[in-house]
Each structure stands twice: as C-alpha cells, then as structure tokens.
C-alpha atoms as a PDB file:
ATOM      1  CA  MET A   1     -11.416   0.372 -32.189  1.00  0.00           C
ATOM      2  CA  PRO A   2     -10.400   2.356 -35.399  1.00  0.00           C
ATOM      3  CA  THR A   3      -7.170   1.839 -36.671  1.00  0.00           C
ATOM      4  CA  GLN A   4      -4.422   2.974 -39.323  1.00  0.00           C
ATOM      5  CA  GLN A   5      -2.273   0.359 -40.873  1.00  0.00           C
ATOM      6  CA  ASN A   6       0.568   2.610 -41.936  1.00  0.00           C
ATOM      7  CA  HIS A   7       0.527   4.100 -38.154  1.00  0.00           C
ATOM      8  CA  PRO A   8       2.392   1.958 -35.948  1.00  0.00           C
ATOM      9  CA  GLU A   9       3.059   4.745 -33.683  1.00  0.00           C
ATOM     10  CA  ALA A  10      -0.780   6.396 -33.461  1.00  0.00           C
ATOM     11  CA  GLU A  11      -2.021   2.898 -32.607  1.00  0.00           C
ATOM     12  CA  ALA A  12       0.438   3.055 -29.648  1.00  0.00           C
ATOM     13  CA  VAL A  13      -0.682   5.994 -28.843  1.00  0.00           C
ATOM     14  CA  TRP A  14      -4.502   5.646 -28.868  1.00  0.00           C
ATOM     15  CA  THR A  15      -4.232   2.239 -27.094  1.00  0.00           C
ATOM     16  CA  GLU A  16      -2.258   4.015 -24.237  1.00  0.00           C
ATOM     17  CA  TYR A  17      -5.004   6.766 -23.575  1.00  0.00           C
ATOM     18  CA  GLU A  18      -7.949   4.920 -24.590  1.00  0.00           C
ATOM     19  CA  SER A  19      -9.068   3.844 -21.259  1.00  0.00           C
ATOM     20  CA  TYR A  20      -8.286   7.357 -19.808  1.00  0.00           C
ATOM     21  CA  ILE A  21     -11.224   8.872 -22.760  1.00  0.00           C
ATOM     22  CA  ARG A  22     -12.955   6.271 -22.103  1.00  0.00           C
ATOM     23  CA  ARG A  23     -13.241   7.416 -17.899  1.00  0.00           C
ATOM     24  CA  ILE A  24     -13.707  10.834 -18.999  1.00  0.00           C
ATOM     25  CA  CYS A  25     -16.668  10.018 -21.310  1.00  0.00           C
ATOM     26  CA  ALA A  26     -17.883   8.115 -18.684  1.00  0.00           C
ATOM     27  CA  TYR A  27     -18.178   9.975 -16.343  1.00  0.00           C
ATOM     28  CA  LYS A  28     -19.557  12.915 -18.249  1.00  0.00           C
ATOM     29  CA  LEU A  29     -22.018  11.323 -19.971  1.00  0.00           C
ATOM     30  CA  SER A  30     -23.317   8.317 -17.515  1.00  0.00           C
ATOM     31  CA  SER A  31     -26.782   8.540 -18.089  1.00  0.00           C
ATOM     32  CA  HIS A  32     -26.164   8.112 -21.502  1.00  0.00           C
ATOM     33  CA  PRO A  33     -24.272   4.637 -21.759  1.00  0.00           C
ATOM     34  CA  ASN A  34     -25.300   4.912 -25.816  1.00  0.00           C
ATOM     35  CA  GLU A  35     -23.361   8.267 -25.976  1.00  0.00           C
ATOM     36  CA  MET A  36     -20.096   7.328 -24.201  1.00  0.00           C
ATOM     37  CA  GLU A  37     -19.831   4.513 -26.704  1.00  0.00           C
ATOM     38  CA  ASP A  38     -20.038   6.448 -29.651  1.00  0.00           C
ATOM     39  CA  ALA A  39     -17.757   9.872 -28.187  1.00  0.00           C
ATOM     40  CA  VAL A  40     -14.978   7.369 -27.592  1.00  0.00           C
ATOM     41  CA  GLN A  41     -14.885   6.008 -30.856  1.00  0.00           C
ATOM     42  CA  GLU A  42     -15.251   9.458 -32.502  1.00  0.00           C
ATOM     43  CA  THR A  43     -12.535  10.899 -30.889  1.00  0.00           C
ATOM     44  CA  ALA A  44     -10.700   7.912 -31.863  1.00  0.00           C
ATOM     45  CA  LEU A  45     -11.575   8.976 -35.129  1.00  0.00           C
ATOM     46  CA  ALA A  46     -10.448  12.499 -34.604  1.00  0.00           C
ATOM     47  CA  PHE A  47      -7.370  11.258 -33.556  1.00  0.00           C
ATOM     48  CA  PHE A  48      -6.271   9.210 -36.173  1.00  0.00           C
ATOM     49  CA  ASP A  49      -8.161  11.393 -39.168  1.00  0.00           C
ATOM     50  CA  ALA A  50      -5.550  13.886 -37.612  1.00  0.00           C
ATOM     51  CA  VAL A  51      -2.791  11.509 -37.984  1.00  0.00           C
ATOM     52  CA  ASN A  52      -3.826  10.957 -41.541  1.00  0.00           C
ATOM     53  CA  LYS A  53      -3.352  14.336 -42.029  1.00  0.00           C
ATOM     54  CA  GLY A  54       0.545  14.545 -40.811  1.00  0.00           C
ATOM     55  CA  THR A  55      -0.963  17.124 -37.631  1.00  0.00           C
ATOM     56  CA  GLN A  56       1.767  16.625 -35.934  1.00  0.00           C
ATOM     57  CA  ILE A  57       0.522  15.397 -31.712  1.00  0.00           C
ATOM     58  CA  ARG A  58       3.157  16.697 -29.137  1.00  0.00           C
ATOM     59  CA  GLU A  59       1.175  15.981 -26.586  1.00  0.00           C
ATOM     60  CA  PRO A  60      -1.368  13.721 -27.258  1.00  0.00           C
ATOM     61  CA  LYS A  61      -2.855  13.486 -23.920  1.00  0.00           C
ATOM     62  CA  LYS A  62      -3.920  16.954 -23.910  1.00  0.00           C
ATOM     63  CA  TRP A  63      -4.976  16.678 -27.628  1.00  0.00           C
ATOM     64  CA  LEU A  64      -7.229  13.651 -26.847  1.00  0.00           C
ATOM     65  CA  THR A  65      -8.408  15.136 -23.677  1.00  0.00           C
ATOM     66  CA  ALA A  66      -9.574  18.329 -25.673  1.00  0.00           C
ATOM     67  CA  VAL A  67     -10.828  16.895 -28.397  1.00  0.00           C
ATOM     68  CA  ALA A  68     -12.994  14.110 -26.117  1.00  0.00           C
ATOM     69  CA  SER A  69     -14.489  17.609 -24.219  1.00  0.00           C
ATOM     70  CA  ASN A  70     -15.604  19.064 -27.319  1.00  0.00           C
ATOM     71  CA  ILE A  71     -17.625  15.979 -28.706  1.00  0.00           C
ATOM     72  CA  ILE A  72     -19.323  15.635 -24.846  1.00  0.00           C
ATOM     73  CA  LYS A  73     -20.262  19.399 -25.634  1.00  0.00           C
ATOM     74  CA  ASP A  74     -21.634  18.466 -28.721  1.00  0.00           C
ATOM     75  CA  VAL A  75     -23.342  15.537 -27.479  1.00  0.00           C
ATOM     76  CA  TYR A  76     -25.248  17.741 -24.802  1.00  0.00           C
ATOM     77  CA  GLN A  77     -25.884  20.442 -26.833  1.00  0.00           C
ATOM     78  CA  ARG A  78     -27.849  17.801 -29.456  1.00  0.00           C
ATOM     79  CA  LEU A  79     -29.483  15.891 -26.191  1.00  0.00           C
ATOM     80  CA  SER A  80     -31.069  19.606 -25.309  1.00  0.00           C
ATOM     81  CA  ALA A  81     -31.641  20.310 -29.167  1.00  0.00           C
ATOM     82  CA  GLU A  82     -33.533  17.056 -29.060  1.00  0.00           C
ATOM     83  CA  THR A  83     -35.927  17.648 -26.090  1.00  0.00           C
ATOM     84  CA  ARG A  84     -36.857  21.114 -27.095  1.00  0.00           C
ATOM     85  CA  ARG A  85     -38.101  19.301 -30.623  1.00  0.00           C
ATOM     86  CA  LEU A  86     -40.694  17.587 -27.889  1.00  0.00           C
ATOM     87  CA  VAL A  87     -43.510  18.284 -29.632  1.00  0.00           C
ATOM     88  CA  PRO A  88     -46.453  19.961 -27.227  1.00  0.00           C
ATOM     89  CA  VAL A  89     -49.027  18.524 -25.459  1.00  0.00           C
ATOM     90  CA  GLU A  90     -52.523  19.852 -24.644  1.00  0.00           C
ATOM     91  CA  ASP A  91     -53.475  20.736 -21.458  1.00  0.00           C
ATOM     92  CA  GLU A  92     -57.411  18.795 -22.228  1.00  0.00           C
ATOM     93  CA  THR A  93     -55.091  15.290 -22.856  1.00  0.00           C
ATOM     94  CA  VAL A  94     -52.871  15.318 -19.915  1.00  0.00           C
ATOM     95  CA  GLN A  95     -55.990  16.255 -17.834  1.00  0.00           C
ATOM     96  CA  ALA A  96     -58.324  13.157 -19.824  1.00  0.00           C
ATOM     97  CA  LEU A  97     -54.776  10.770 -18.417  1.00  0.00           C
ATOM     98  CA  PRO A  98     -55.358   8.706 -15.399  1.00  0.00           C
ATOM     99  CA  ALA A  99     -53.736   9.269 -11.956  1.00  0.00           C
ATOM    100  CA  PRO A 100     -51.055   7.597 -11.242  1.00  0.00           C
ATOM    101  CA  GLU A 101     -51.372   5.183  -8.241  1.00  0.00           C
ATOM    102  CA  GLU A 102     -50.222   5.836  -5.023  1.00  0.00           C
ATOM    103  CA  PRO A 103     -46.861   4.791  -4.011  1.00  0.00           C
ATOM    104  CA  GLU A 104     -47.332   1.909  -0.629  1.00  0.00           C
ATOM    105  CA  GLU A 105     -46.452   3.558   2.389  1.00  0.00           C
ATOM    106  CA  ILE A 106     -43.816   2.039   3.441  1.00  0.00           C
ATOM    107  CA  PRO A 107     -43.400   1.489   7.460  1.00  0.00           C
ATOM    108  CA  GLU A 108     -41.003   3.989   9.476  1.00  0.00           C
ATOM    109  CA  THR A 109     -39.860   0.537  11.445  1.00  0.00           C
ATOM    110  CA  ILE A 110     -38.584  -0.726   8.122  1.00  0.00           C
ATOM    111  CA  LEU A 111     -37.180   2.834   6.698  1.00  0.00           C
ATOM    112  CA  LEU A 112     -34.626   2.820   9.924  1.00  0.00           C
ATOM    113  CA  GLN A 113     -33.940  -0.973   9.770  1.00  0.00           C
ATOM    114  CA  CYS A 114     -32.354  -0.200   6.321  1.00  0.00           C
ATOM    115  CA  LYS A 115     -30.867   3.330   7.075  1.00  0.00           C
ATOM    116  CA  THR A 116     -29.539   1.951  10.283  1.00  0.00           C
ATOM    117  CA  SER A 117     -28.037  -0.914   8.195  1.00  0.00           C
ATOM    118  CA  PHE A 118     -27.124   1.351   5.557  1.00  0.00           C
ATOM    119  CA  LEU A 119     -24.644   3.686   7.976  1.00  0.00           C
ATOM    120  CA  ALA A 120     -23.058   0.974   9.744  1.00  0.00           C
ATOM    121  CA  SER A 121     -22.158  -0.491   6.022  1.00  0.00           C
ATOM    122  CA  LEU A 122     -20.374   2.777   5.174  1.00  0.00           C
ATOM    123  CA  THR A 123     -16.283   3.282   6.166  1.00  0.00           C
ATOM    124  CA  GLU A 124     -16.188   5.864   8.889  1.00  0.00           C
ATOM    125  CA  ASP A 125     -14.937   8.426   6.013  1.00  0.00           C
ATOM    126  CA  GLU A 126     -17.959   7.893   4.182  1.00  0.00           C
ATOM    127  CA  ARG A 127     -20.369   8.195   7.183  1.00  0.00           C
ATOM    128  CA  THR A 128     -18.488  11.935   8.507  1.00  0.00           C
ATOM    129  CA  LEU A 129     -19.320  13.080   4.713  1.00  0.00           C
ATOM    130  CA  PHE A 130     -22.737  11.643   5.308  1.00  0.00           C
ATOM    131  CA  ARG A 131     -23.524  13.205   8.762  1.00  0.00           C
ATOM    132  CA  LEU A 132     -21.763  16.730   7.607  1.00  0.00           C
ATOM    133  CA  ARG A 133     -23.024  17.117   4.189  1.00  0.00           C
ATOM    134  CA  PHE A 134     -27.003  15.441   4.795  1.00  0.00           C
ATOM    135  CA  VAL A 135     -27.611  16.297   8.687  1.00  0.00           C
ATOM    136  CA  LYS A 136     -25.102  19.484   9.478  1.00  0.00           C
ATOM    137  CA  ARG A 137     -26.005  20.734   5.501  1.00  0.00           C
ATOM    138  CA  MET A 138     -22.345  21.717   5.456  1.00  0.00           C
ATOM    139  CA  LYS A 139     -21.052  23.815   2.147  1.00  0.00           C
ATOM    140  CA  LEU A 140     -18.715  21.734   0.206  1.00  0.00           C
ATOM    141  CA  LYS A 141     -15.941  24.304   1.113  1.00  0.00           C
ATOM    142  CA  THR A 142     -16.194  23.963   5.172  1.00  0.00           C
ATOM    143  CA  ILE A 143     -16.583  19.773   4.309  1.00  0.00           C
ATOM    144  CA  ALA A 144     -13.350  20.489   2.574  1.00  0.00           C
ATOM    145  CA  GLY A 145     -11.377  22.193   5.445  1.00  0.00           C
ATOM    146  CA  LYS A 146     -12.550  19.956   7.725  1.00  0.00           C
ATOM    147  CA  MET A 147     -11.787  16.398   6.148  1.00  0.00           C
ATOM    148  CA  GLY A 148      -8.097  18.053   4.436  1.00  0.00           C
ATOM    149  CA  VAL A 149      -9.479  17.862   0.955  1.00  0.00           C
ATOM    150  CA  SER A 150     -10.021  19.559  -2.266  1.00  0.00           C
ATOM    151  CA  GLU A 151     -13.694  20.836  -3.458  1.00  0.00           C
ATOM    152  CA  GLY A 152     -13.736  18.489  -6.459  1.00  0.00           C
ATOM    153  CA  ASN A 153     -12.655  15.753  -4.051  1.00  0.00           C
ATOM    154  CA  VAL A 154     -15.803  16.428  -1.449  1.00  0.00           C
ATOM    155  CA  LYS A 155     -17.695  16.472  -4.671  1.00  0.00           C
ATOM    156  CA  ILE A 156     -16.695  12.971  -6.044  1.00  0.00           C
ATOM    157  CA  ARG A 157     -17.238  11.663  -2.276  1.00  0.00           C
ATOM    158  CA  ILE A 158     -20.588  13.114  -2.386  1.00  0.00           C
ATOM    159  CA  PHE A 159     -21.347  11.759  -5.980  1.00  0.00           C
ATOM    160  CA  ARG A 160     -20.207   8.416  -5.096  1.00  0.00           C
ATOM    161  CA  LEU A 161     -22.468   8.283  -1.437  1.00  0.00           C
ATOM    162  CA  LYS A 162     -25.299   8.669  -3.470  1.00  0.00           C
ATOM    163  CA  ARG A 163     -24.478   6.202  -6.227  1.00  0.00           C
ATOM    164  CA  LYS A 164     -23.619   3.899  -3.085  1.00  0.00           C
ATOM    165  CA  ALA A 165     -26.904   4.863  -1.571  1.00  0.00           C
ATOM    166  CA  LYS A 166     -29.053   4.473  -4.269  1.00  0.00           C
ATOM    167  CA  GLN A 167     -28.071   0.507  -4.958  1.00  0.00           C
ATOM    168  CA  TYR A 168     -28.265   0.185  -1.090  1.00  0.00           C
ATOM    169  CA  VAL A 169     -31.663   0.702  -1.455  1.00  0.00           C
ATOM    170  CA  ASP A 170     -32.125  -1.161  -4.488  1.00  0.00           C
ATOM    171  CA  ASP A 171     -30.645  -4.174  -3.358  1.00  0.00           C
ATOM    172  CA  TRP A 172     -32.500  -3.681  -0.036  1.00  0.00           C
ATOM    173  CA  SER A 173     -35.764  -3.015  -1.221  1.00  0.00           C
ATOM    174  CA  GLU A 174     -35.211  -6.035  -3.585  1.00  0.00           C
ATOM    175  CA  ASN A 175     -34.489  -8.637  -0.346  1.00  0.00           C
ATOM    176  CA  HIS A 176     -36.680  -6.361   2.113  1.00  0.00           C
ATOM    177  CA  LEU A 177     -39.788  -5.808   0.838  1.00  0.00           C
END
C-alpha cells in the first residue's frame, strides 16, 4: 500500500475505504486476480498523487469509486486490445492438430445423485431461485417481483448460486468420480 509520511489524514481515509475499493475491483475483475490487485494499487496511487498535488477531495468514497471504475475500464480496454493482437492461425495448422479426446460418459444415475445432493444443500431461497430461473426459465424482472427483491439483487443471487453450483460439482466430482 502506498503511503505518504506528510499526509496522515490521507492515510486514514485510504485505510477506511481500501477494503471497499478491493471489493469493487474483486467483483469487476474476478476472472483477472492479478489485474484486480493492480487496480487497487493504481487507485491508491492516484489518491495519494491527488493529495500530494493539493487536490481537495470532499467526498473520498465517491472520488475513489470513480477512479477505481475508470481504472477497471482501462484494464478491460487493455485486455481487449491484447486479445485483438493475437496472431491469426492458418486453417491447415488447425486441421493438423490432433482431435481432442472425448470425455468419459458419466452415468445418469451418478449425475442424478450429484444434482439431488446439490439441491438438498441449498437454502429454501436458493432452491426457489434455482427453480424460477433454471427450471421455469423466468426473466429477472419476474423473479424479482415474486421474491420481493430488486433485479440487481436477483442477478447477484444468481451469480452466487452459479458459483456455488460450480464449486459443489468440482468438490463432488473429486470425491465421487
């Protein structure tokens, strides 16, 4: 964490909001953990640079959020540009590659055991969300109305439910397959 010896107030402000900025960066850059840490550090550097230049920051939380958001946008633009610079591969090269091995077929009874135990591990709200979204294929707005929460809250719950399902299947397959 960058610190400035002559600005203890700035250090106190950064200490107060650092975990908040980390959560924002972690959420937006969850698939790029190294970039997430860099974004937090860049936000801190921008904050301390502004303080050293004498900038008056009246609402530090809003200011830090805006800076972190801009840094996250820059990260995505850079990652996108790096992807565009990938070297094209000739069709003959691709066709010469060996075919991937077919994954072993998992018996349906084993898959049913996994699904049943996963559903049993969910809370009542999670089961309801699972049923509405993945069985009945309802739209977010409809689910939000039925559950009495905002659409944003439904999106977050679905994200967490998918993450929980992935972790459950990974753990289950290690123990049962």
